[in-house]
């Protein structure tokens, strides 16, 4: 697939359970993939619950749809 002038981004959500304690952890990383504006990875946040992860994804999507750059 070839993207032309459409704005695009990639969000990676990595989750794991800490060994020994089974504590939930997550990291959200975003990359601007818009042609001509490709950027490096930006860590958007580190979360410690599933609900925090959902809220972080929702905030990132709101920023993206609103046309603003993802907040750090």
N, C-alpha and C. Protein backbone atom coordinates (compact mmCIF):
# COMPACT_ATOMS: atom_id res chain seq x y z
N UNK A 1 0.85 -1.16 0.00
CA UNK A 1 0.00 0.00 0.00
C UNK A 1 0.90 1.24 0.00
N UNK A 2 0.56 2.19 -0.85
CA UNK A 2 1.31 3.43 -0.93
C UNK A 2 0.44 4.57 -0.42
N UNK A 3 0.94 5.30 0.55
CA UNK A 3 0.23 6.46 1.07
C UNK A 3 0.75 7.69 0.37
N UNK A 4 -0.16 8.61 0.03
CA UNK A 4 0.26 9.82 -0.66
C UNK A 4 0.29 10.98 0.32
N UNK A 5 -0.78 11.73 0.42
CA UNK A 5 -0.76 12.89 1.29
C UNK A 5 -1.60 12.70 2.54
N UNK A 6 -2.14 11.52 2.75
CA UNK A 6 -2.95 11.28 3.94
C UNK A 6 -2.09 11.28 5.19
N UNK A 7 -2.65 11.87 6.24
CA UNK A 7 -1.97 11.85 7.53
C UNK A 7 -2.12 10.46 8.12
N UNK A 8 -1.05 9.90 8.65
CA UNK A 8 -1.12 8.56 9.23
C UNK A 8 -0.13 8.45 10.39
N UNK A 9 -0.41 7.48 11.24
CA UNK A 9 0.46 7.23 12.39
C UNK A 9 0.32 5.78 12.80
N UNK A 10 1.29 5.32 13.55
CA UNK A 10 1.28 3.96 14.08
C UNK A 10 1.37 4.05 15.60
N UNK A 11 0.55 3.23 16.27
CA UNK A 11 0.61 3.14 17.72
C UNK A 11 0.89 1.70 18.09
N UNK A 12 1.91 1.50 18.91
CA UNK A 12 2.24 0.15 19.39
C UNK A 12 1.94 0.13 20.88
N UNK A 13 1.12 -0.82 21.28
CA UNK A 13 0.79 -1.02 22.69
C UNK A 13 1.38 -2.35 23.10
N UNK A 14 2.36 -2.29 23.99
CA UNK A 14 3.02 -3.50 24.51
C UNK A 14 2.59 -3.68 25.95
N UNK A 15 2.08 -4.86 26.28
CA UNK A 15 1.65 -5.13 27.66
C UNK A 15 2.32 -6.40 28.15
N UNK A 16 2.52 -6.47 29.48
CA UNK A 16 3.13 -7.65 30.09
C UNK A 16 2.76 -7.71 31.56
N UNK A 17 2.98 -8.85 32.18
CA UNK A 17 2.81 -9.03 33.61
C UNK A 17 4.19 -9.19 34.22
N UNK A 18 4.48 -8.40 35.23
CA UNK A 18 5.78 -8.46 35.90
C UNK A 18 5.97 -9.85 36.50
N UNK A 19 7.12 -10.40 36.30
CA UNK A 19 7.39 -11.73 36.85
C UNK A 19 7.44 -11.69 38.37
N UNK A 20 6.83 -12.68 38.99
CA UNK A 20 6.82 -12.77 40.44
C UNK A 20 5.62 -12.10 41.08
N UNK A 21 5.19 -10.95 40.53
CA UNK A 21 4.08 -10.22 41.15
C UNK A 21 2.82 -10.22 40.28
N UNK A 22 2.98 -10.53 39.00
CA UNK A 22 1.88 -10.46 38.02
C UNK A 22 1.26 -9.07 37.92
N UNK A 23 2.03 -8.01 38.29
CA UNK A 23 1.55 -6.64 38.13
C UNK A 23 1.49 -6.30 36.64
N UNK A 24 0.39 -5.69 36.22
CA UNK A 24 0.18 -5.28 34.83
C UNK A 24 1.07 -4.09 34.50
N UNK A 25 1.69 -4.12 33.35
CA UNK A 25 2.48 -3.00 32.85
C UNK A 25 2.21 -2.84 31.36
N UNK A 26 2.34 -1.64 30.87
CA UNK A 26 2.16 -1.38 29.45
C UNK A 26 2.95 -0.16 29.02
N UNK A 27 3.29 -0.12 27.75
CA UNK A 27 4.01 1.02 27.17
C UNK A 27 3.37 1.32 25.82
N UNK A 28 3.07 2.60 25.59
CA UNK A 28 2.52 3.04 24.32
C UNK A 28 3.58 3.83 23.58
N UNK A 29 3.83 3.44 22.34
CA UNK A 29 4.83 4.08 21.50
C UNK A 29 4.16 4.47 20.20
N UNK A 30 4.39 5.70 19.74
CA UNK A 30 3.79 6.19 18.51
C UNK A 30 4.87 6.62 17.53
N UNK A 31 4.51 6.53 16.24
CA UNK A 31 5.38 6.98 15.17
C UNK A 31 4.52 7.70 14.14
N UNK A 32 4.93 8.90 13.72
CA UNK A 32 4.24 9.60 12.63
C UNK A 32 4.68 8.93 11.34
N UNK A 33 3.74 8.37 10.59
CA UNK A 33 4.06 7.67 9.34
C UNK A 33 3.56 8.44 8.12
N UNK A 34 3.20 9.70 8.30
CA UNK A 34 2.76 10.52 7.19
C UNK A 34 3.91 10.70 6.22
N UNK A 35 3.65 10.48 4.93
CA UNK A 35 4.70 10.62 3.92
C UNK A 35 5.29 12.02 3.99
N UNK A 36 6.60 12.08 4.11
CA UNK A 36 7.32 13.36 4.20
C UNK A 36 7.47 13.87 5.61
N UNK A 37 6.80 13.24 6.57
CA UNK A 37 6.90 13.67 7.96
C UNK A 37 7.26 12.51 8.88
N UNK A 38 7.79 11.45 8.30
CA UNK A 38 8.11 10.27 9.10
C UNK A 38 9.01 10.67 10.26
N UNK A 39 8.68 10.17 11.43
CA UNK A 39 9.45 10.54 12.60
C UNK A 39 9.91 9.33 13.38
N UNK A 40 10.69 9.58 14.37
CA UNK A 40 11.16 8.52 15.25
C UNK A 40 10.07 8.11 16.22
N UNK A 41 10.35 7.06 16.93
CA UNK A 41 9.41 6.57 17.93
C UNK A 41 9.33 7.54 19.10
N UNK A 42 8.12 7.72 19.62
CA UNK A 42 7.89 8.57 20.79
C UNK A 42 7.12 7.74 21.80
N UNK A 43 7.68 7.58 23.00
CA UNK A 43 6.95 6.88 24.05
C UNK A 43 5.91 7.83 24.61
N UNK A 44 4.63 7.45 24.47
CA UNK A 44 3.53 8.30 24.93
C UNK A 44 3.21 8.10 26.39
N UNK A 45 3.49 6.92 26.88
CA UNK A 45 3.19 6.69 28.28
C UNK A 45 3.47 5.27 28.71
N UNK A 46 3.56 5.12 30.00
CA UNK A 46 3.72 3.82 30.63
C UNK A 46 2.52 3.68 31.56
N UNK A 47 1.83 2.55 31.49
CA UNK A 47 0.60 2.37 32.27
C UNK A 47 0.72 1.17 33.19
N UNK A 48 -0.12 1.16 34.22
CA UNK A 48 -0.06 0.07 35.19
C UNK A 48 -1.41 -0.61 35.39
N UNK A 49 -2.36 -0.36 34.48
CA UNK A 49 -3.64 -1.07 34.53
C UNK A 49 -4.23 -1.09 33.13
N UNK A 50 -5.11 -2.04 32.90
CA UNK A 50 -5.78 -2.14 31.60
C UNK A 50 -6.61 -0.88 31.34
N UNK A 51 -7.27 -0.36 32.36
CA UNK A 51 -8.09 0.84 32.15
C UNK A 51 -7.21 2.06 31.82
N UNK A 52 -6.02 2.15 32.41
CA UNK A 52 -5.09 3.22 32.05
C UNK A 52 -4.66 3.09 30.59
N UNK A 53 -4.44 1.85 30.14
CA UNK A 53 -4.05 1.61 28.75
C UNK A 53 -5.16 2.05 27.80
N UNK A 54 -6.39 1.70 28.12
CA UNK A 54 -7.53 2.09 27.28
C UNK A 54 -7.64 3.62 27.22
N UNK A 55 -7.50 4.29 28.35
CA UNK A 55 -7.58 5.76 28.38
C UNK A 55 -6.45 6.39 27.58
N UNK A 56 -5.25 5.82 27.66
CA UNK A 56 -4.11 6.35 26.91
C UNK A 56 -4.33 6.19 25.41
N UNK A 57 -4.86 5.05 24.99
CA UNK A 57 -5.17 4.84 23.57
C UNK A 57 -6.25 5.82 23.13
N UNK A 58 -7.28 5.99 23.95
CA UNK A 58 -8.36 6.93 23.62
C UNK A 58 -7.82 8.35 23.47
N UNK A 59 -6.95 8.77 24.36
CA UNK A 59 -6.36 10.12 24.29
C UNK A 59 -5.53 10.28 23.02
N UNK A 60 -4.77 9.25 22.67
CA UNK A 60 -3.95 9.31 21.46
C UNK A 60 -4.84 9.42 20.23
N UNK A 61 -5.90 8.62 20.19
CA UNK A 61 -6.83 8.68 19.05
C UNK A 61 -7.51 10.05 18.97
N UNK A 62 -7.92 10.59 20.11
CA UNK A 62 -8.53 11.92 20.12
C UNK A 62 -7.57 12.96 19.57
N UNK A 63 -6.30 12.89 19.97
CA UNK A 63 -5.29 13.81 19.44
C UNK A 63 -5.14 13.64 17.93
N UNK A 64 -5.08 12.40 17.48
CA UNK A 64 -4.88 12.13 16.06
C UNK A 64 -6.07 12.62 15.24
N UNK A 65 -7.27 12.28 15.66
CA UNK A 65 -8.47 12.67 14.92
C UNK A 65 -8.66 14.18 14.97
N UNK A 66 -8.27 14.79 16.06
CA UNK A 66 -8.38 16.24 16.20
C UNK A 66 -7.35 17.01 15.39
N UNK A 67 -6.39 16.31 14.80
CA UNK A 67 -5.40 16.96 13.98
C UNK A 67 -4.19 17.49 14.72
N UNK A 68 -4.14 17.23 16.02
CA UNK A 68 -2.99 17.70 16.79
C UNK A 68 -1.91 16.62 16.79
N UNK A 69 -0.69 17.04 17.02
CA UNK A 69 0.40 16.07 17.15
C UNK A 69 0.19 15.29 18.43
N UNK A 70 0.53 13.97 18.43
CA UNK A 70 0.39 13.17 19.67
C UNK A 70 1.14 13.83 20.82
N UNK A 71 0.48 13.92 21.98
CA UNK A 71 1.14 14.53 23.14
C UNK A 71 2.08 13.53 23.78
N UNK A 72 3.09 14.05 24.47
CA UNK A 72 4.07 13.18 25.11
C UNK A 72 3.80 13.09 26.58
